[in-house]
Amino acid sequence: NAERSFTDEPGCRSFDVVCDLADDHHFVFHELYDDEAAVEAHRAAPHF
């Protein structure tokens, strides 16, 4: 999903995934987009 975000969405600037050290089943993603339209383009993308 992250790779496709970068190749298919010009407004995707970063995509980080971190795992909680105390619980390796708890994840947090932090994605940066140019603007709200870029977030909506992400949600509308076929890979999403």
ModelCIF file with pLDDT and N, C-alpha, C, O atoms, coordinates in Angstrom:
data_MODEL
#
_entry.id   MODEL 
#
_entity.id                         1 
_entity.type                       polymer 
_entity.pdbx_number_of_molecules   1 
#
_entity_poly.entity_id                      1 
_entity_poly.type                           'polypeptide(L)' 
_entity_poly.nstd_linkage                   no 
_entity_poly.nstd_monomer                   no 
_entity_poly.pdbx_seq_one_letter_code       NAERSFTDEPGCRSFDVVCDLADDHHFVFHELYDDEAAVEAHRAAPHF 
_entity_poly.pdbx_seq_one_letter_code_can   NAERSFTDEPGCRSFDVVCDLADDHHFVFHELYDDEAAVEAHRAAPHF 
_entity_poly.pdbx_strand_id                 A 
#
loop_
_entity_poly_seq.entity_id 
_entity_poly_seq.num 
_entity_poly_seq.mon_id 
_entity_poly_seq.hetero 
1 1  ASN n 
1 2  ALA n 
1 3  GLU n 
1 4  ARG n 
1 5  SER n 
1 6  PHE n 
1 7  THR n 
1 8  ASP n 
1 9  GLU n 
1 10 PRO n 
1 11 GLY n 
1 12 CYS n 
1 13 ARG n 
1 14 SER n 
1 15 PHE n 
1 16 ASP n 
1 17 VAL n 
1 18 VAL n 
1 19 CYS n 
1 20 ASP n 
1 21 LEU n 
1 22 ALA n 
1 23 ASP n 
1 24 ASP n 
1 25 HIS n 
1 26 HIS n 
1 27 PHE n 
1 28 VAL n 
1 29 PHE n 
1 30 HIS n 
1 31 GLU n 
1 32 LEU n 
1 33 TYR n 
1 34 ASP n 
1 35 ASP n 
1 36 GLU n 
1 37 ALA n 
1 38 ALA n 
1 39 VAL n 
1 40 GLU n 
1 41 ALA n 
1 42 HIS n 
1 43 ARG n 
1 44 ALA n 
1 45 ALA n 
1 46 PRO n 
1 47 HIS n 
1 48 PHE n 
#
_struct_asym.id          A 
_struct_asym.entity_id   1 
#
loop_
_ma_qa_metric.id 
_ma_qa_metric.mode 
_ma_qa_metric.name 
_ma_qa_metric.software_group_id 
_ma_qa_metric.type 
1 global pLDDT . pLDDT 
2 local  pLDDT . pLDDT 
#
_ma_qa_metric_global.metric_id      1 
_ma_qa_metric_global.metric_value   89.48 
_ma_qa_metric_global.model_id       1 
_ma_qa_metric_global.ordinal_id     1 
#
loop_
_ma_qa_metric_local.label_asym_id 
_ma_qa_metric_local.label_comp_id 
_ma_qa_metric_local.label_seq_id 
_ma_qa_metric_local.metric_id 
_ma_qa_metric_local.metric_value 
_ma_qa_metric_local.model_id 
_ma_qa_metric_local.ordinal_id 
A ASN 1  2 83.00 1 1  
A ALA 2  2 85.00 1 2  
A GLU 3  2 85.00 1 3  
A ARG 4  2 84.00 1 4  
A SER 5  2 84.00 1 5  
A PHE 6  2 83.00 1 6  
A THR 7  2 86.00 1 7  
A ASP 8  2 85.00 1 8  
A GLU 9  2 85.00 1 9  
A PRO 10 2 86.00 1 10 
A GLY 11 2 92.00 1 11 
A CYS 12 2 91.00 1 12 
A ARG 13 2 93.00 1 13 
A SER 14 2 91.00 1 14 
A PHE 15 2 90.00 1 15 
A ASP 16 2 92.00 1 16 
A VAL 17 2 92.00 1 17 
A VAL 18 2 93.00 1 18 
A CYS 19 2 92.00 1 19 
A ASP 20 2 87.00 1 20 
A LEU 21 2 87.00 1 21 
A ALA 22 2 87.00 1 22 
A ASP 23 2 86.00 1 23 
A ASP 24 2 84.00 1 24 
A HIS 25 2 91.00 1 25 
A HIS 26 2 95.00 1 26 
A PHE 27 2 94.00 1 27 
A VAL 28 2 95.00 1 28 
A PHE 29 2 90.00 1 29 
A HIS 30 2 92.00 1 30 
A GLU 31 2 92.00 1 31 
A LEU 32 2 94.00 1 32 
A TYR 33 2 94.00 1 33 
A ASP 34 2 95.00 1 34 
A ASP 35 2 95.00 1 35 
A GLU 36 2 92.00 1 36 
A ALA 37 2 94.00 1 37 
A ALA 38 2 94.00 1 38 
A VAL 39 2 92.00 1 39 
A GLU 40 2 91.00 1 40 
A ALA 41 2 91.00 1 41 
A HIS 42 2 89.00 1 42 
A ARG 43 2 88.00 1 43 
A ALA 44 2 90.00 1 44 
A ALA 45 2 89.00 1 45 
A PRO 46 2 88.00 1 46 
A HIS 47 2 83.00 1 47 
A PHE 48 2 84.00 1 48 
#
loop_
_atom_site.group_PDB 
_atom_site.id 
_atom_site.type_symbol 
_atom_site.label_atom_id 
_atom_site.label_alt_id 
_atom_site.label_comp_id 
_atom_site.label_asym_id 
_atom_site.label_entity_id 
_atom_site.label_seq_id 
_atom_site.pdbx_PDB_ins_code 
_atom_site.Cartn_x 
_atom_site.Cartn_y 
_atom_site.Cartn_z 
_atom_site.occupancy 
_atom_site.B_iso_or_equiv 
_atom_site.pdbx_formal_charge 
_atom_site.auth_seq_id 
_atom_site.auth_comp_id 
_atom_site.auth_asym_id 
_atom_site.auth_atom_id 
_atom_site.pdbx_PDB_model_num 
ATOM 1   N N  . ASN A 1 1  ? 0.831   -1.203 0.000  1.00 83.00 ? 1  ASN A N  1 
ATOM 2   C CA . ASN A 1 1  ? 0.000   0.000  0.000  1.00 83.00 ? 1  ASN A CA 1 
ATOM 3   C C  . ASN A 1 1  ? 0.869   1.257  0.000  1.00 83.00 ? 1  ASN A C  1 
ATOM 4   O O  . ASN A 1 1  ? 0.589   2.208  -0.730 1.00 83.00 ? 1  ASN A O  1 
ATOM 5   N N  . ALA A 1 2  ? 1.917   1.262  0.814  1.00 85.00 ? 2  ALA A N  1 
ATOM 6   C CA . ALA A 1 2  ? 2.795   2.431  0.877  1.00 85.00 ? 2  ALA A CA 1 
ATOM 7   C C  . ALA A 1 2  ? 3.511   2.655  -0.457 1.00 85.00 ? 2  ALA A C  1 
ATOM 8   O O  . ALA A 1 2  ? 3.591   3.788  -0.933 1.00 85.00 ? 2  ALA A O  1 
ATOM 9   N N  . GLU A 1 3  ? 4.024   1.596  -1.053 1.00 85.00 ? 3  GLU A N  1 
ATOM 10  C CA . GLU A 1 3  ? 4.714   1.728  -2.336 1.00 85.00 ? 3  GLU A CA 1 
ATOM 11  C C  . GLU A 1 3  ? 3.778   2.279  -3.400 1.00 85.00 ? 3  GLU A C  1 
ATOM 12  O O  . GLU A 1 3  ? 4.156   3.152  -4.181 1.00 85.00 ? 3  GLU A O  1 
ATOM 13  N N  . ARG A 1 4  ? 2.554   1.764  -3.424 1.00 84.00 ? 4  ARG A N  1 
ATOM 14  C CA . ARG A 1 4  ? 1.576   2.242  -4.407 1.00 84.00 ? 4  ARG A CA 1 
ATOM 15  C C  . ARG A 1 4  ? 1.173   3.689  -4.129 1.00 84.00 ? 4  ARG A C  1 
ATOM 16  O O  . ARG A 1 4  ? 0.907   4.448  -5.061 1.00 84.00 ? 4  ARG A O  1 
ATOM 17  N N  . SER A 1 5  ? 1.128   4.074  -2.856 1.00 84.00 ? 5  SER A N  1 
ATOM 18  C CA . SER A 1 5  ? 0.813   5.464  -2.533 1.00 84.00 ? 5  SER A CA 1 
ATOM 19  C C  . SER A 1 5  ? 1.832   6.396  -3.177 1.00 84.00 ? 5  SER A C  1 
ATOM 20  O O  . SER A 1 5  ? 1.459   7.420  -3.750 1.00 84.00 ? 5  SER A O  1 
ATOM 21  N N  . PHE A 1 6  ? 3.111   6.054  -3.087 1.00 83.00 ? 6  PHE A N  1 
ATOM 22  C CA . PHE A 1 6  ? 4.147   6.908  -3.665 1.00 83.00 ? 6  PHE A CA 1 
ATOM 23  C C  . PHE A 1 6  ? 4.120   6.912  -5.188 1.00 83.00 ? 6  PHE A C  1 
ATOM 24  O O  . PHE A 1 6  ? 4.343   7.954  -5.803 1.00 83.00 ? 6  PHE A O  1 
ATOM 25  N N  . THR A 1 7  ? 3.852   5.769  -5.804 1.00 86.00 ? 7  THR A N  1 
ATOM 26  C CA . THR A 1 7  ? 3.887   5.721  -7.266 1.00 86.00 ? 7  THR A CA 1 
ATOM 27  C C  . THR A 1 7  ? 2.599   6.235  -7.902 1.00 86.00 ? 7  THR A C  1 
ATOM 28  O O  . THR A 1 7  ? 2.642   6.804  -8.993 1.00 86.00 ? 7  THR A O  1 
ATOM 29  N N  . ASP A 1 8  ? 1.456   6.049  -7.245 1.00 85.00 ? 8  ASP A N  1 
ATOM 30  C CA . ASP A 1 8  ? 0.168   6.387  -7.855 1.00 85.00 ? 8  ASP A CA 1 
ATOM 31  C C  . ASP A 1 8  ? -0.404  7.730  -7.405 1.00 85.00 ? 8  ASP A C  1 
ATOM 32  O O  . ASP A 1 8  ? -1.335  8.245  -8.024 1.00 85.00 ? 8  ASP A O  1 
ATOM 33  N N  . GLU A 1 9  ? 0.142   8.295  -6.338 1.00 85.00 ? 9  GLU A N  1 
ATOM 34  C CA . GLU A 1 9  ? -0.443  9.507  -5.768 1.00 85.00 ? 9  GLU A CA 1 
ATOM 35  C C  . GLU A 1 9  ? 0.613   10.603 -5.649 1.00 85.00 ? 9  GLU A C  1 
ATOM 36  O O  . GLU A 1 9  ? 1.454   10.555 -4.751 1.00 85.00 ? 9  GLU A O  1 
ATOM 37  N N  . PRO A 1 10 ? 0.580   11.582 -6.538 1.00 86.00 ? 10 PRO A N  1 
ATOM 38  C CA . PRO A 1 10 ? 1.595   12.633 -6.482 1.00 86.00 ? 10 PRO A CA 1 
ATOM 39  C C  . PRO A 1 10 ? 1.563   13.460 -5.194 1.00 86.00 ? 10 PRO A C  1 
ATOM 40  O O  . PRO A 1 10 ? 2.553   14.113 -4.865 1.00 86.00 ? 10 PRO A O  1 
ATOM 41  N N  . GLY A 1 11 ? 0.458   13.447 -4.467 1.00 92.00 ? 11 GLY A N  1 
ATOM 42  C CA . GLY A 1 11 ? 0.351   14.233 -3.242 1.00 92.00 ? 11 GLY A CA 1 
ATOM 43  C C  . GLY A 1 11 ? 0.814   13.534 -1.983 1.00 92.00 ? 11 GLY A C  1 
ATOM 44  O O  . GLY A 1 11 ? 0.764   14.125 -0.904 1.00 92.00 ? 11 GLY A O  1 
ATOM 45  N N  . CYS A 1 12 ? 1.274   12.265 -2.088 1.00 91.00 ? 12 CYS A N  1 
ATOM 46  C CA . CYS A 1 12 ? 1.767   11.532 -0.921 1.00 91.00 ? 12 CYS A CA 1 
ATOM 47  C C  . CYS A 1 12 ? 3.240   11.856 -0.724 1.00 91.00 ? 12 CYS A C  1 
ATOM 48  O O  . CYS A 1 12 ? 4.051   11.620 -1.620 1.00 91.00 ? 12 CYS A O  1 
ATOM 49  N N  . ARG A 1 13 ? 3.596   12.397 0.444  1.00 93.00 ? 13 ARG A N  1 
ATOM 50  C CA . ARG A 1 13 ? 4.964   12.843 0.715  1.00 93.00 ? 13 ARG A CA 1 
ATOM 51  C C  . ARG A 1 13 ? 5.753   11.917 1.630  1.00 93.00 ? 13 ARG A C  1 
ATOM 52  O O  . ARG A 1 13 ? 6.970   11.799 1.483  1.00 93.00 ? 13 ARG A O  1 
ATOM 53  N N  . SER A 1 14 ? 5.083   11.257 2.574  1.00 91.00 ? 14 SER A N  1 
ATOM 54  C CA . SER A 1 14 ? 5.792   10.290 3.410  1.00 91.00 ? 14 SER A CA 1 
ATOM 55  C C  . SER A 1 14 ? 4.797   9.292  3.978  1.00 91.00 ? 14 SER A C  1 
ATOM 56  O O  . SER A 1 14 ? 3.607   9.578  4.109  1.00 91.00 ? 14 SER A O  1 
ATOM 57  N N  . PHE A 1 15 ? 5.309   8.122  4.312  1.00 90.00 ? 15 PHE A N  1 
ATOM 58  C CA . PHE A 1 15 ? 4.480   7.032  4.814  1.00 90.00 ? 15 PHE A CA 1 
ATOM 59  C C  . PHE A 1 15 ? 5.338   6.268  5.812  1.00 90.00 ? 15 PHE A C  1 
ATOM 60  O O  . PHE A 1 15 ? 6.195   5.476  5.421  1.00 90.00 ? 15 PHE A O  1 
ATOM 61  N N  . ASP A 1 16 ? 5.110   6.502  7.092  1.00 92.00 ? 16 ASP A N  1 
ATOM 62  C CA . ASP A 1 16 ? 5.868   5.828  8.145  1.00 92.00 ? 16 ASP A CA 1 
ATOM 63  C C  . ASP A 1 16 ? 4.967   4.842  8.875  1.00 92.00 ? 16 ASP A C  1 
ATOM 64  O O  . ASP A 1 16 ? 3.791   5.118  9.111  1.00 92.00 ? 16 ASP A O  1 
ATOM 65  N N  . VAL A 1 17 ? 5.524   3.699  9.226  1.00 92.00 ? 17 VAL A N  1 
ATOM 66  C CA . VAL A 1 17 ? 4.815   2.696  10.021 1.00 92.00 ? 17 VAL A CA 1 
ATOM 67  C C  . VAL A 1 17 ? 5.710   2.358  11.203 1.00 92.00 ? 17 VAL A C  1 
ATOM 68  O O  . VAL A 1 17 ? 6.874   1.996  11.035 1.00 92.00 ? 17 VAL A O  1 
ATOM 69  N N  . VAL A 1 18 ? 5.152   2.482  12.397 1.00 93.00 ? 18 VAL A N  1 
ATOM 70  C CA . VAL A 1 18 ? 5.917   2.141  13.593 1.00 93.00 ? 18 VAL A CA 1 
ATOM 71  C C  . VAL A 1 18 ? 5.149   1.103  14.403 1.00 93.00 ? 18 VAL A C  1 
ATOM 72  O O  . VAL A 1 18 ? 3.924   1.008  14.335 1.00 93.00 ? 18 VAL A O  1 
ATOM 73  N N  . CYS A 1 19 ? 5.911   0.333  15.168 1.00 92.00 ? 19 CYS A N  1 
ATOM 74  C CA . CYS A 1 19 ? 5.343   -0.719 16.005 1.00 92.00 ? 19 CYS A CA 1 
ATOM 75  C C  . CYS A 1 19 ? 5.643   -0.395 17.459 1.00 92.00 ? 19 CYS A C  1 
ATOM 76  O O  . CYS A 1 19 ? 6.759   0.001  17.793 1.00 92.00 ? 19 CYS A O  1 
ATOM 77  N N  . ASP A 1 20 ? 4.676   -0.557 18.301 1.00 87.00 ? 20 ASP A N  1 
ATOM 78  C CA . ASP A 1 20 ? 4.815   -0.312 19.732 1.00 87.00 ? 20 ASP A CA 1 
ATOM 79  C C  . ASP A 1 20 ? 5.821   -1.309 20.314 1.00 87.00 ? 20 ASP A C  1 
ATOM 80  O O  . ASP A 1 20 ? 5.679   -2.516 20.121 1.00 87.00 ? 20 ASP A O  1 
ATOM 81  N N  . LEU A 1 21 ? 6.826   -0.811 21.021 1.00 87.00 ? 21 LEU A N  1 
ATOM 82  C CA . LEU A 1 21 ? 7.832   -1.696 21.623 1.00 87.00 ? 21 LEU A CA 1 
ATOM 83  C C  . LEU A 1 21 ? 7.237   -2.616 22.685 1.00 87.00 ? 21 LEU A C  1 
ATOM 84  O O  . LEU A 1 21 ? 7.721   -3.730 22.884 1.00 87.00 ? 21 LEU A O  1 
ATOM 85  N N  . ALA A 1 22 ? 6.200   -2.158 23.360 1.00 87.00 ? 22 ALA A N  1 
ATOM 86  C CA . ALA A 1 22 ? 5.589   -2.956 24.422 1.00 87.00 ? 22 ALA A CA 1 
ATOM 87  C C  . ALA A 1 22 ? 4.563   -3.952 23.883 1.00 87.00 ? 22 ALA A C  1 
ATOM 88  O O  . ALA A 1 22 ? 4.168   -4.879 24.591 1.00 87.00 ? 22 ALA A O  1 
ATOM 89  N N  . ASP A 1 23 ? 4.130   -3.768 22.636 1.00 86.00 ? 23 ASP A N  1 
ATOM 90  C CA . ASP A 1 23 ? 3.083   -4.620 22.065 1.00 86.00 ? 23 ASP A CA 1 
ATOM 91  C C  . ASP A 1 23 ? 3.303   -4.685 20.559 1.00 86.00 ? 23 ASP A C  1 
ATOM 92  O O  . ASP A 1 23 ? 2.870   -3.788 19.835 1.00 86.00 ? 23 ASP A O  1 
ATOM 93  N N  . ASP A 1 24 ? 3.977   -5.743 20.071 1.00 84.00 ? 24 ASP A N  1 
ATOM 94  C CA . ASP A 1 24 ? 4.328   -5.794 18.652 1.00 84.00 ? 24 ASP A CA 1 
ATOM 95  C C  . ASP A 1 24 ? 3.150   -6.086 17.725 1.00 84.00 ? 24 ASP A C  1 
ATOM 96  O O  . ASP A 1 24 ? 3.346   -6.355 16.540 1.00 84.00 ? 24 ASP A O  1 
ATOM 97  N N  . HIS A 1 25 ? 1.938   -6.034 18.253 1.00 91.00 ? 25 HIS A N  1 
ATOM 98  C CA . HIS A 1 25 ? 0.739   -6.132 17.421 1.00 91.00 ? 25 HIS A CA 1 
ATOM 99  C C  . HIS A 1 25 ? 0.029   -4.790 17.298 1.00 91.00 ? 25 HIS A C  1 
ATOM 100 O O  . HIS A 1 25 ? -0.999  -4.691 16.628 1.00 91.00 ? 25 HIS A O  1 
ATOM 101 N N  . HIS A 1 26 ? 0.574   -3.751 17.943 1.00 95.00 ? 26 HIS A N  1 
ATOM 102 C CA . HIS A 1 26 ? 0.003   -2.410 17.865 1.00 95.00 ? 26 HIS A CA 1 
ATOM 103 C C  . HIS A 1 26 ? 0.858   -1.566 16.926 1.00 95.00 ? 26 HIS A C  1 
ATOM 104 O O  . HIS A 1 26 ? 2.056   -1.394 17.149 1.00 95.00 ? 26 HIS A O  1 
ATOM 105 N N  . PHE A 1 27 ? 0.229   -1.041 15.870 1.00 94.00 ? 27 PHE A N  1 
ATOM 106 C CA . PHE A 1 27 ? 0.926   -0.269 14.854 1.00 94.00 ? 27 PHE A CA 1 
ATOM 107 C C  . PHE A 1 27 ? 0.326   1.117  14.735 1.00 94.00 ? 27 PHE A C  1 
ATOM 108 O O  . PHE A 1 27 ? -0.858  1.331  14.994 1.00 94.00 ? 27 PHE A O  1 
ATOM 109 N N  . VAL A 1 28 ? 1.174   2.052  14.338 1.00 95.00 ? 28 VAL A N  1 
ATOM 110 C CA . VAL A 1 28 ? 0.727   3.405  14.026 1.00 95.00 ? 28 VAL A CA 1 
ATOM 111 C C  . VAL A 1 28 ? 1.342   3.781  12.679 1.00 95.00 ? 28 VAL A C  1 
ATOM 112 O O  . VAL A 1 28 ? 2.545   3.631  12.465 1.00 95.00 ? 28 VAL A O  1 
ATOM 113 N N  . PHE A 1 29 ? 0.495   4.269  11.781 1.00 90.00 ? 29 PHE A N  1 
ATOM 114 C CA . PHE A 1 29 ? 0.972   4.808  10.498 1.00 90.00 ? 29 PHE A CA 1 
ATOM 115 C C  . PHE A 1 29 ? 0.902   6.318  10.618 1.00 90.00 ? 29 PHE A C  1 
ATOM 116 O O  . PHE A 1 29 ? 0.016   6.871  11.270 1.00 90.00 ? 29 PHE A O  1 
ATOM 117 N N  . HIS A 1 30 ? 1.848   6.965  9.979  1.00 92.00 ? 30 HIS A N  1 
ATOM 118 C CA . HIS A 1 30 ? 1.820   8.422  9.905  1.00 92.00 ? 30 HIS A CA 1 
ATOM 119 C C  . HIS A 1 30 ? 2.132   8.766  8.455  1.00 92.00 ? 30 HIS A C  1 
ATOM 120 O O  . HIS A 1 30 ? 3.253   8.569  7.987  1.00 92.00 ? 30 HIS A O  1 
ATOM 121 N N  . GLU A 1 31 ? 1.134   9.278  7.755  1.00 92.00 ? 31 GLU A N  1 
ATOM 122 C CA . GLU A 1 31 ? 1.274   9.600  6.342  1.00 92.00 ? 31 GLU A CA 1 
ATOM 123 C C  . GLU A 1 31 ? 1.137   11.107 6.162  1.00 92.00 ? 31 GLU A C  1 
ATOM 124 O O  . GLU A 1 31 ? 0.307   11.739 6.815  1.00 92.00 ? 31 GLU A O  1 
ATOM 125 N N  . LEU A 1 32 ? 1.948   11.681 5.281  1.00 94.00 ? 32 LEU A N  1 
ATOM 126 C CA . LEU A 1 32 ? 1.850   13.110 4.985  1.00 94.00 ? 32 LEU A CA 1 
ATOM 127 C C  . LEU A 1 32 ? 1.423   13.309 3.539  1.00 94.00 ? 32 LEU A C  1 
ATOM 128 O O  . LEU A 1 32 ? 1.954   12.682 2.621  1.00 94.00 ? 32 LEU A O  1 
ATOM 129 N N  . TYR A 1 33 ? 0.455   14.192 3.360  1.00 94.00 ? 33 TYR A N  1 
ATOM 130 C CA . TYR A 1 33 ? -0.078  14.530 2.040  1.00 94.00 ? 33 TYR A CA 1 
ATOM 131 C C  . TYR A 1 33 ? -0.038  16.038 1.847  1.00 94.00 ? 33 TYR A C  1 
ATOM 132 O O  . TYR A 1 33 ? -0.053  16.798 2.816  1.00 94.00 ? 33 TYR A O  1 
ATOM 133 N N  . ASP A 1 34 ? 0.013   16.462 0.595  1.00 95.00 ? 34 ASP A N  1 
ATOM 134 C CA . ASP A 1 34 ? 0.072   17.889 0.292  1.00 95.00 ? 34 ASP A CA 1 
ATOM 135 C C  . ASP A 1 34 ? -1.102  18.669 0.875  1.00 95.00 ? 34 ASP A C  1 
ATOM 136 O O  . ASP A 1 34 ? -0.928  19.753 1.430  1.00 95.00 ? 34 ASP A O  1 
ATOM 137 N N  . ASP A 1 35 ? -2.301  18.100 0.741  1.00 95.00 ? 35 ASP A N  1 
ATOM 138 C CA . ASP A 1 35 ? -3.505  18.804 1.178  1.00 95.00 ? 35 ASP A CA 1 
ATOM 139 C C  . ASP A 1 35 ? -4.648  17.794 1.318  1.00 95.00 ? 35 ASP A C  1 
ATOM 140 O O  . ASP A 1 35 ? -4.453  16.597 1.110  1.00 95.00 ? 35 ASP A O  1 
ATOM 141 N N  . GLU A 1 36 ? -5.830  18.281 1.668  1.00 92.00 ? 36 GLU A N  1 
ATOM 142 C CA . GLU A 1 36 ? -6.964  17.380 1.866  1.00 92.00 ? 36 GLU A CA 1 
ATOM 143 C C  . GLU A 1 36 ? -7.373  16.695 0.568  1.00 92.00 ? 36 GLU A C  1 
ATOM 144 O O  . GLU A 1 36 ? -7.844  15.557 0.596  1.00 92.00 ? 36 GLU A O  1 
ATOM 145 N N  . ALA A 1 37 ? -7.204  17.361 -0.558 1.00 94.00 ? 37 ALA A N  1 
ATOM 146 C CA . ALA A 1 37 ? -7.520  16.740 -1.853 1.00 94.00 ? 37 ALA A CA 1 
ATOM 147 C C  . ALA A 1 37 ? -6.616  15.538 -2.104 1.00 94.00 ? 37 ALA A C  1 
ATOM 148 O O  . ALA A 1 37 ? -7.060  14.541 -2.672 1.00 94.00 ? 37 ALA A O  1 
ATOM 149 N N  . ALA A 1 38 ? -5.357  15.620 -1.689 1.00 94.00 ? 38 ALA A N  1 
ATOM 150 C CA . ALA A 1 38 ? -4.428  14.492 -1.855 1.00 94.00 ? 38 ALA A CA 1 
ATOM 151 C C  . ALA A 1 38 ? -4.825  13.319 -0.968 1.00 94.00 ? 38 ALA A C  1 
ATOM 152 O O  . ALA A 1 38 ? -4.664  12.165 -1.364 1.00 94.00 ? 38 ALA A O  1 
ATOM 153 N N  . VAL A 1 39 ? -5.346  13.602 0.235  1.00 92.00 ? 39 VAL A N  1 
ATOM 154 C CA . VAL A 1 39 ? -5.834  12.532 1.113  1.00 92.00 ? 39 VAL A CA 1 
ATOM 155 C C  . VAL A 1 39 ? -7.032  11.853 0.462  1.00 92.00 ? 39 VAL A C  1 
ATOM 156 O O  . VAL A 1 39 ? -7.131  10.626 0.475  1.00 92.00 ? 39 VAL A O  1 
ATOM 157 N N  . GLU A 1 40 ? -7.934  12.632 -0.102 1.00 91.00 ? 40 GLU A N  1 
ATOM 158 C CA . GLU A 1 40 ? -9.102  12.059 -0.779 1.00 91.00 ? 40 GLU A CA 1 
ATOM 159 C C  . GLU A 1 40 ? -8.684  11.245 -2.000 1.00 91.00 ? 40 GLU A C  1 
ATOM 160 O O  . GLU A 1 40 ? -9.286  10.210 -2.287 1.00 91.00 ? 40 GLU A O  1 
ATOM 161 N N  . ALA A 1 41 ? -7.657  11.700 -2.723 1.00 91.00 ? 41 ALA A N  1 
ATOM 162 C CA . ALA A 1 41 ? -7.143  10.930 -3.862 1.00 91.00 ? 41 ALA A CA 1 
ATOM 163 C C  . ALA A 1 41 ? -6.586  9.594  -3.383 1.00 91.00 ? 41 ALA A C  1 
ATOM 164 O O  . ALA A 1 41 ? -6.741  8.576  -4.057 1.00 91.00 ? 41 ALA A O  1 
ATOM 165 N N  . HIS A 1 42 ? -5.943  9.598  -2.225 1.00 89.00 ? 42 HIS A N  1 
ATOM 166 C CA . HIS A 1 42 ? -5.444  8.350  -1.641 1.00 89.00 ? 42 HIS A CA 1 
ATOM 167 C C  . HIS A 1 42 ? -6.602  7.398  -1.356 1.00 89.00 ? 42 HIS A C  1 
ATOM 168 O O  . HIS A 1 42 ? -6.541  6.218  -1.703 1.00 89.00 ? 42 HIS A O  1 
ATOM 169 N N  . ARG A 1 43 ? -7.639  7.904  -0.733 1.00 88.00 ? 43 ARG A N  1 
ATOM 170 C CA . ARG A 1 43 ? -8.786  7.062  -0.387 1.00 88.00 ? 43 ARG A CA 1 
ATOM 171 C C  . ARG A 1 43 ? -9.523  6.537  -1.613 1.00 88.00 ? 43 ARG A C  1 
ATOM 172 O O  . ARG A 1 43 ? -10.156 5.483  -1.553 1.00 88.00 ? 43 ARG A O  1 
ATOM 173 N N  . ALA A 1 44 ? -9.444  7.265  -2.725 1.00 90.00 ? 44 ALA A N  1 
ATOM 174 C CA . ALA A 1 44 ? -10.128 6.859  -3.954 1.00 90.00 ? 44 ALA A CA 1 
ATOM 175 C C  . ALA A 1 44 ? -9.265  5.967  -4.849 1.00 90.00 ? 44 ALA A C  1 
ATOM 176 O O  . ALA A 1 44 ? -9.767  5.397  -5.818 1.00 90.00 ? 44 ALA A O  1 
ATOM 177 N N  . ALA A 1 45 ? -7.984  5.841  -4.535 1.00 89.00 ? 45 ALA A N  1 
ATOM 178 C CA . ALA A 1 45 ? -7.061  5.067  -5.376 1.00 89.00 ? 45 ALA A CA 1 
ATOM 179 C C  . ALA A 1 45 ? -7.418  3.584  -5.345 1.00 89.00 ? 45 ALA A C  1 
ATOM 180 O O  . ALA A 1 45 ? -7.808  3.061  -4.301 1.00 89.00 ? 45 ALA A O  1 
ATOM 181 N N  . PRO A 1 46 ? -7.285  2.904  -6.486 1.00 88.00 ? 46 PRO A N  1 
ATOM 182 C CA . PRO A 1 46 ? -7.624  1.471  -6.539 1.00 88.00 ? 46 PRO A CA 1 
ATOM 183 C C  . PRO A 1 46 ? -6.863  0.625  -5.518 1.00 88.00 ? 46 PRO A C  1 
ATOM 184 O O  . PRO A 1 46 ? -7.431  -0.316 -4.964 1.00 88.00 ? 46 PRO A O  1 
ATOM 185 N N  . HIS A 1 47 ? -5.601  0.934  -5.258 1.00 83.00 ? 47 HIS A N  1 
ATOM 186 C CA . HIS A 1 47 ? -4.841  0.118  -4.306 1.00 83.00 ? 47 HIS A CA 1 
ATOM 187 C C  . HIS A 1 47 ? -5.373  0.275  -2.881 1.00 83.00 ? 47 HIS A C  1 
ATOM 188 O O  . HIS A 1 47 ? -5.159  -0.606 -2.048 1.00 83.00 ? 47 HIS A O  1 
ATOM 189 N N  . PHE A 1 48 ? -6.059  1.374  -2.589 1.00 84.00 ? 48 PHE A N  1 
ATOM 190 C CA . PHE A 1 48 ? -6.601  1.554  -1.250 1.00 84.00 ? 48 PHE A CA 1 
ATOM 191 C C  . PHE A 1 48 ? -7.739  0.564  -0.995 1.00 84.00 ? 48 PHE A C  1 
ATOM 192 O O  . PHE A 1 48 ? -8.325  0.563  0.088  1.00 84.00 ? 48 PHE A O  1 
#
